[in-house]
Amino acid sequence: METQFNPNLLTGPIPGMSLTSEPGAYPWENPSQITTLDEAVEYYSDKILQPEAEDKMLIALDSGISVEKLSEALVISGTMNGIHSLDIAFIVMPYVREVMMYIADLYNVDYIEAYSTHNKERIPYGVARRAIIEVLKEDPESEVMPQEEIAMPTTGLMSRPPMESPMELEELGGEVPPSEEEIV
């Protein structure tokens, strides 16, 4: 017996289709608004060179965000919003970086070009700790106060925290519990 092919089987829903939204509902599922590099350069030039955008960009660069990551976020968000394709995003990204660095140089703002090339001169924690301990040993009258150790209660989880004196409890409005000598 030969199996007959039913062409209606190919027009049915794809498994899992009901669990997602309608096709074309997201901006990146629709055709892009910008399709050429020239249009993308013009779009990002207009966006970046607005005074409000310049201020926000300079604040971000001054706070330590790298030009690479900031330009990447800007261009990828253009892709997610359906402005251009991912291919155009990768092609226009170096231009966006250069414009950002030019504006930062124009306003004398220090910036990090990329985290991978940024050499942050950082002292390891262990080395810094040993240096501080040595300085404190040499000059015990220094302004740095030693840390107080926190005494952990030795009783159960729901026990009362230890009081320094019965005066503290009286100040809080409670009764003073009898001492061990009074109980015996």
C-alpha atoms as a PDB file:
ATOM      1  CA  MET A   1       0.000   0.000   0.000  1.00  0.00           C
ATOM      2  CA  GLU A   2       1.423   3.362  -1.035  1.00  0.00           C
ATOM      3  CA  THR A   3       1.298   6.388   1.275  1.00  0.00           C
ATOM      4  CA  GLN A   4      -0.396   9.421  -0.217  1.00  0.00           C
ATOM      5  CA  PHE A   5       1.162  12.877   0.325  1.00  0.00           C
ATOM      6  CA  ASN A   6      -1.278  15.459   1.656  1.00  0.00           C
ATOM      7  CA  PRO A   7      -0.214  19.015   0.654  1.00  0.00           C
ATOM      8  CA  ASN A   8      -2.369  20.537   3.438  1.00  0.00           C
ATOM      9  CA  LEU A   9       0.120  19.219   6.013  1.00  0.00           C
ATOM     10  CA  LEU A  10       2.670  21.848   4.930  1.00  0.00           C
ATOM     11  CA  THR A  11       0.301  24.773   5.474  1.00  0.00           C
ATOM     12  CA  GLY A  12      -0.343  24.006   9.134  1.00  0.00           C
ATOM     13  CA  PRO A  13       1.164  25.856  12.081  1.00  0.00           C
ATOM     14  CA  ILE A  14       4.793  25.343  13.010  1.00  0.00           C
ATOM     15  CA  PRO A  15       5.252  23.555  16.362  1.00  0.00           C
ATOM     16  CA  GLY A  16       5.641  26.197  19.077  1.00  0.00           C
ATOM     17  CA  MET A  17       4.178  28.972  16.923  1.00  0.00           C
ATOM     18  CA  SER A  18       1.344  29.556  19.363  1.00  0.00           C
ATOM     19  CA  LEU A  19       3.841  30.253  22.122  1.00  0.00           C
ATOM     20  CA  THR A  20       5.351  33.260  20.390  1.00  0.00           C
ATOM     21  CA  SER A  21       3.996  36.550  19.142  1.00  0.00           C
ATOM     22  CA  GLU A  22       2.682  37.250  15.677  1.00  0.00           C
ATOM     23  CA  PRO A  23       5.358  37.349  12.955  1.00  0.00           C
ATOM     24  CA  GLY A  24       6.459  40.924  12.216  1.00  0.00           C
ATOM     25  CA  ALA A  25       5.466  42.221  15.645  1.00  0.00           C
ATOM     26  CA  TYR A  26       9.044  43.176  16.566  1.00  0.00           C
ATOM     27  CA  PRO A  27      10.913  45.978  14.778  1.00  0.00           C
ATOM     28  CA  TRP A  28      13.823  43.742  13.765  1.00  0.00           C
ATOM     29  CA  GLU A  29      11.440  41.358  11.983  1.00  0.00           C
ATOM     30  CA  ASN A  30      10.385  44.091   9.538  1.00  0.00           C
ATOM     31  CA  PRO A  31      12.424  45.522   6.659  1.00  0.00           C
ATOM     32  CA  SER A  32      15.050  48.067   7.753  1.00  0.00           C
ATOM     33  CA  GLN A  33      14.496  51.798   7.350  1.00  0.00           C
ATOM     34  CA  ILE A  34      18.145  52.356   6.342  1.00  0.00           C
ATOM     35  CA  THR A  35      19.783  50.087   3.796  1.00  0.00           C
ATOM     36  CA  THR A  36      23.022  51.836   2.797  1.00  0.00           C
ATOM     37  CA  LEU A  37      26.144  52.903   4.640  1.00  0.00           C
ATOM     38  CA  ASP A  38      25.710  56.535   3.566  1.00  0.00           C
ATOM     39  CA  GLU A  39      22.235  56.669   5.103  1.00  0.00           C
ATOM     40  CA  ALA A  40      23.549  55.089   8.320  1.00  0.00           C
ATOM     41  CA  VAL A  41      26.427  57.587   8.563  1.00  0.00           C
ATOM     42  CA  GLU A  42      23.983  60.471   8.110  1.00  0.00           C
ATOM     43  CA  TYR A  43      21.561  58.990  10.674  1.00  0.00           C
ATOM     44  CA  TYR A  44      24.217  58.533  13.377  1.00  0.00           C
ATOM     45  CA  SER A  45      25.823  61.898  12.643  1.00  0.00           C
ATOM     46  CA  ASP A  46      22.478  63.585  13.252  1.00  0.00           C
ATOM     47  CA  LYS A  47      21.878  61.536  16.413  1.00  0.00           C
ATOM     48  CA  ILE A  48      25.308  61.981  18.015  1.00  0.00           C
ATOM     49  CA  LEU A  49      25.811  65.666  17.175  1.00  0.00           C
ATOM     50  CA  GLN A  50      22.635  66.831  18.940  1.00  0.00           C
ATOM     51  CA  PRO A  51      23.556  68.883  22.061  1.00  0.00           C
ATOM     52  CA  GLU A  52      21.542  66.677  24.458  1.00  0.00           C
ATOM     53  CA  ALA A  53      23.117  63.518  23.053  1.00  0.00           C
ATOM     54  CA  GLU A  54      26.602  65.069  23.229  1.00  0.00           C
ATOM     55  CA  ASP A  55      26.121  65.945  26.896  1.00  0.00           C
ATOM     56  CA  LYS A  56      24.948  62.451  27.814  1.00  0.00           C
ATOM     57  CA  MET A  57      27.746  60.859  25.799  1.00  0.00           C
ATOM     58  CA  LEU A  58      30.421  63.045  27.418  1.00  0.00           C
ATOM     59  CA  ILE A  59      29.090  62.259  30.903  1.00  0.00           C
ATOM     60  CA  ALA A  60      29.175  58.523  30.123  1.00  0.00           C
ATOM     61  CA  LEU A  61      32.706  58.705  28.714  1.00  0.00           C
ATOM     62  CA  ASP A  62      33.900  60.773  31.672  1.00  0.00           C
ATOM     63  CA  SER A  63      32.480  58.233  34.128  1.00  0.00           C
ATOM     64  CA  GLY A  64      34.620  55.450  32.636  1.00  0.00           C
ATOM     65  CA  ILE A  65      32.527  53.762  29.961  1.00  0.00           C
ATOM     66  CA  SER A  66      34.698  52.876  26.979  1.00  0.00           C
ATOM     67  CA  VAL A  67      34.062  54.377  23.560  1.00  0.00           C
ATOM     68  CA  GLU A  68      33.919  50.856  22.157  1.00  0.00           C
ATOM     69  CA  LYS A  69      31.087  49.724  24.458  1.00  0.00           C
ATOM     70  CA  LEU A  70      29.129  52.977  24.142  1.00  0.00           C
ATOM     71  CA  SER A  71      29.223  52.916  20.336  1.00  0.00           C
ATOM     72  CA  GLU A  72      28.367  49.221  20.344  1.00  0.00           C
ATOM     73  CA  ALA A  73      25.291  49.842  22.514  1.00  0.00           C
ATOM     74  CA  LEU A  74      24.144  52.725  20.310  1.00  0.00           C
ATOM     75  CA  VAL A  75      24.518  50.855  17.027  1.00  0.00           C
ATOM     76  CA  ILE A  76      23.051  47.564  18.255  1.00  0.00           C
ATOM     77  CA  SER A  77      20.033  49.438  19.635  1.00  0.00           C
ATOM     78  CA  GLY A  78      19.548  50.823  16.126  1.00  0.00           C
ATOM     79  CA  THR A  79      19.388  47.244  14.884  1.00  0.00           C
ATOM     80  CA  MET A  80      16.916  46.219  17.584  1.00  0.00           C
ATOM     81  CA  ASN A  81      14.685  49.195  16.741  1.00  0.00           C
ATOM     82  CA  GLY A  82      14.605  48.217  13.080  1.00  0.00           C
ATOM     83  CA  ILE A  83      16.587  51.236  11.841  1.00  0.00           C
ATOM     84  CA  HIS A  84      19.150  49.116   9.972  1.00  0.00           C
ATOM     85  CA  SER A  85      20.367  45.553   9.654  1.00  0.00           C
ATOM     86  CA  LEU A  86      23.088  43.949  11.739  1.00  0.00           C
ATOM     87  CA  ASP A  87      25.429  44.067   8.742  1.00  0.00           C
ATOM     88  CA  ILE A  88      25.095  47.856   8.529  1.00  0.00           C
ATOM     89  CA  ALA A  89      25.636  48.035  12.309  1.00  0.00           C
ATOM     90  CA  PHE A  90      29.036  46.357  12.081  1.00  0.00           C
ATOM     91  CA  ILE A  91      30.058  48.483   9.118  1.00  0.00           C
ATOM     92  CA  VAL A  92      29.055  51.832  10.690  1.00  0.00           C
ATOM     93  CA  MET A  93      30.411  51.095  14.180  1.00  0.00           C
ATOM     94  CA  PRO A  94      34.001  52.332  13.499  1.00  0.00           C
ATOM     95  CA  TYR A  95      32.590  55.625  12.201  1.00  0.00           C
ATOM     96  CA  VAL A  96      30.478  56.071  15.331  1.00  0.00           C
ATOM     97  CA  ARG A  97      33.546  55.381  17.517  1.00  0.00           C
ATOM     98  CA  GLU A  98      35.603  57.987  15.662  1.00  0.00           C
ATOM     99  CA  VAL A  99      32.872  60.628  15.987  1.00  0.00           C
ATOM    100  CA  MET A 100      32.582  59.950  19.728  1.00  0.00           C
ATOM    101  CA  MET A 101      36.343  60.235  20.226  1.00  0.00           C
ATOM    102  CA  TYR A 102      36.426  63.425  18.133  1.00  0.00           C
ATOM    103  CA  ILE A 103      33.731  65.041  20.295  1.00  0.00           C
ATOM    104  CA  ALA A 104      35.479  63.929  23.493  1.00  0.00           C
ATOM    105  CA  ASP A 105      38.768  65.397  22.236  1.00  0.00           C
ATOM    106  CA  LEU A 106      36.969  68.593  21.259  1.00  0.00           C
ATOM    107  CA  TYR A 107      35.679  69.056  24.834  1.00  0.00           C
ATOM    108  CA  ASN A 108      38.927  67.797  26.472  1.00  0.00           C
ATOM    109  CA  VAL A 109      37.219  64.819  28.108  1.00  0.00           C
ATOM    110  CA  ASP A 110      39.445  61.876  29.027  1.00  0.00           C
ATOM    111  CA  TYR A 111      38.064  58.622  27.698  1.00  0.00           C
ATOM    112  CA  ILE A 112      38.882  54.938  27.497  1.00  0.00           C
ATOM    113  CA  GLU A 113      39.046  53.756  23.913  1.00  0.00           C
ATOM    114  CA  ALA A 114      38.571  50.049  24.737  1.00  0.00           C
ATOM    115  CA  TYR A 115      38.752  48.045  27.945  1.00  0.00           C
ATOM    116  CA  SER A 116      41.063  45.491  26.342  1.00  0.00           C
ATOM    117  CA  THR A 117      43.720  48.123  25.601  1.00  0.00           C
ATOM    118  CA  HIS A 118      43.181  50.167  28.761  1.00  0.00           C
ATOM    119  CA  ASN A 119      46.053  49.619  31.187  1.00  0.00           C
ATOM    120  CA  LYS A 120      44.712  50.523  34.586  1.00  0.00           C
ATOM    121  CA  GLU A 121      47.547  50.760  37.061  1.00  0.00           C
ATOM    122  CA  ARG A 122      45.993  48.962  39.977  1.00  0.00           C
ATOM    123  CA  ILE A 123      47.662  47.723  43.115  1.00  0.00           C
ATOM    124  CA  PRO A 124      46.567  44.216  44.137  1.00  0.00           C
ATOM    125  CA  TYR A 125      44.597  44.068  47.382  1.00  0.00           C
ATOM    126  CA  GLY A 126      47.121  41.883  49.223  1.00  0.00           C
ATOM    127  CA  VAL A 127      50.023  44.217  48.421  1.00  0.00           C
ATOM    128  CA  ALA A 128      48.038  47.275  49.514  1.00  0.00           C
ATOM    129  CA  ARG A 129      46.968  45.575  52.763  1.00  0.00           C
ATOM    130  CA  ARG A 130      50.559  44.624  53.659  1.00  0.00           C
ATOM    131  CA  ALA A 131      51.736  48.176  52.964  1.00  0.00           C
ATOM    132  CA  ILE A 132      49.041  49.635  55.229  1.00  0.00           C
ATOM    133  CA  ILE A 133      49.909  47.205  58.037  1.00  0.00           C
ATOM    134  CA  GLU A 134      53.594  48.119  57.780  1.00  0.00           C
ATOM    135  CA  VAL A 135      52.810  51.848  57.916  1.00  0.00           C
ATOM    136  CA  LEU A 136      50.602  51.353  60.985  1.00  0.00           C
ATOM    137  CA  LYS A 137      53.376  49.391  62.748  1.00  0.00           C
ATOM    138  CA  GLU A 138      55.891  52.161  62.093  1.00  0.00           C
ATOM    139  CA  ASP A 139      53.569  54.997  63.179  1.00  0.00           C
ATOM    140  CA  PRO A 140      51.128  53.776  65.854  1.00  0.00           C
ATOM    141  CA  GLU A 141      49.830  57.317  66.445  1.00  0.00           C
ATOM    142  CA  SER A 142      48.427  57.611  62.928  1.00  0.00           C
ATOM    143  CA  GLU A 143      44.871  58.755  62.256  1.00  0.00           C
ATOM    144  CA  VAL A 144      43.681  55.332  61.093  1.00  0.00           C
ATOM    145  CA  MET A 145      41.600  53.579  63.734  1.00  0.00           C
ATOM    146  CA  PRO A 146      41.734  49.785  63.928  1.00  0.00           C
ATOM    147  CA  GLN A 147      38.519  47.961  63.146  1.00  0.00           C
ATOM    148  CA  GLU A 148      36.520  46.722  66.102  1.00  0.00           C
ATOM    149  CA  GLU A 149      35.741  43.058  66.146  1.00  0.00           C
ATOM    150  CA  ILE A 150      32.057  42.228  66.236  1.00  0.00           C
ATOM    151  CA  ALA A 151      31.193  39.724  68.965  1.00  0.00           C
ATOM    152  CA  MET A 152      28.860  37.059  67.679  1.00  0.00           C
ATOM    153  CA  PRO A 153      26.250  35.816  70.154  1.00  0.00           C
ATOM    154  CA  THR A 154      26.982  32.329  71.441  1.00  0.00           C
ATOM    155  CA  THR A 155      23.373  31.487  72.198  1.00  0.00           C
ATOM    156  CA  GLY A 156      20.577  30.371  69.907  1.00  0.00           C
ATOM    157  CA  LEU A 157      19.126  32.026  66.854  1.00  0.00           C
ATOM    158  CA  MET A 158      16.152  33.606  68.613  1.00  0.00           C
ATOM    159  CA  SER A 159      17.999  34.790  71.721  1.00  0.00           C
ATOM    160  CA  ARG A 160      18.177  38.407  72.793  1.00  0.00           C
ATOM    161  CA  PRO A 161      21.275  40.355  71.837  1.00  0.00           C
ATOM    162  CA  PRO A 162      23.656  40.909  74.757  1.00  0.00           C
ATOM    163  CA  MET A 163      23.268  44.246  76.562  1.00  0.00           C
ATOM    164  CA  GLU A 164      26.201  46.289  77.726  1.00  0.00           C
ATOM    165  CA  SER A 165      24.530  47.236  80.982  1.00  0.00           C
ATOM    166  CA  PRO A 166      21.126  47.141  82.687  1.00  0.00           C
ATOM    167  CA  MET A 167      20.966  50.904  82.123  1.00  0.00           C
ATOM    168  CA  GLU A 168      20.455  50.357  78.402  1.00  0.00           C
ATOM    169  CA  LEU A 169      17.408  48.187  79.043  1.00  0.00           C
ATOM    170  CA  GLU A 170      15.948  50.736  81.473  1.00  0.00           C
ATOM    171  CA  GLU A 171      16.434  53.464  78.872  1.00  0.00           C
ATOM    172  CA  LEU A 172      14.466  51.373  76.393  1.00  0.00           C
ATOM    173  CA  GLY A 173      11.585  51.102  78.886  1.00  0.00           C
ATOM    174  CA  GLY A 174      11.927  47.434  79.779  1.00  0.00           C
ATOM    175  CA  GLU A 175      12.366  45.686  83.085  1.00  0.00           C
ATOM    176  CA  VAL A 176      15.847  44.760  84.178  1.00  0.00           C
ATOM    177  CA  PRO A 177      16.198  40.960  84.343  1.00  0.00           C
ATOM    178  CA  PRO A 178      17.569  39.598  87.620  1.00  0.00           C
ATOM    179  CA  SER A 179      21.275  38.886  87.692  1.00  0.00           C
ATOM    180  CA  GLU A 180      22.639  35.374  88.230  1.00  0.00           C
ATOM    181  CA  GLU A 181      23.521  36.207  91.843  1.00  0.00           C
ATOM    182  CA  GLU A 182      19.916  37.204  92.599  1.00  0.00           C
ATOM    183  CA  ILE A 183      18.550  33.992  91.106  1.00  0.00           C
ATOM    184  CA  VAL A 184      20.762  31.689  93.202  1.00  0.00           C
END
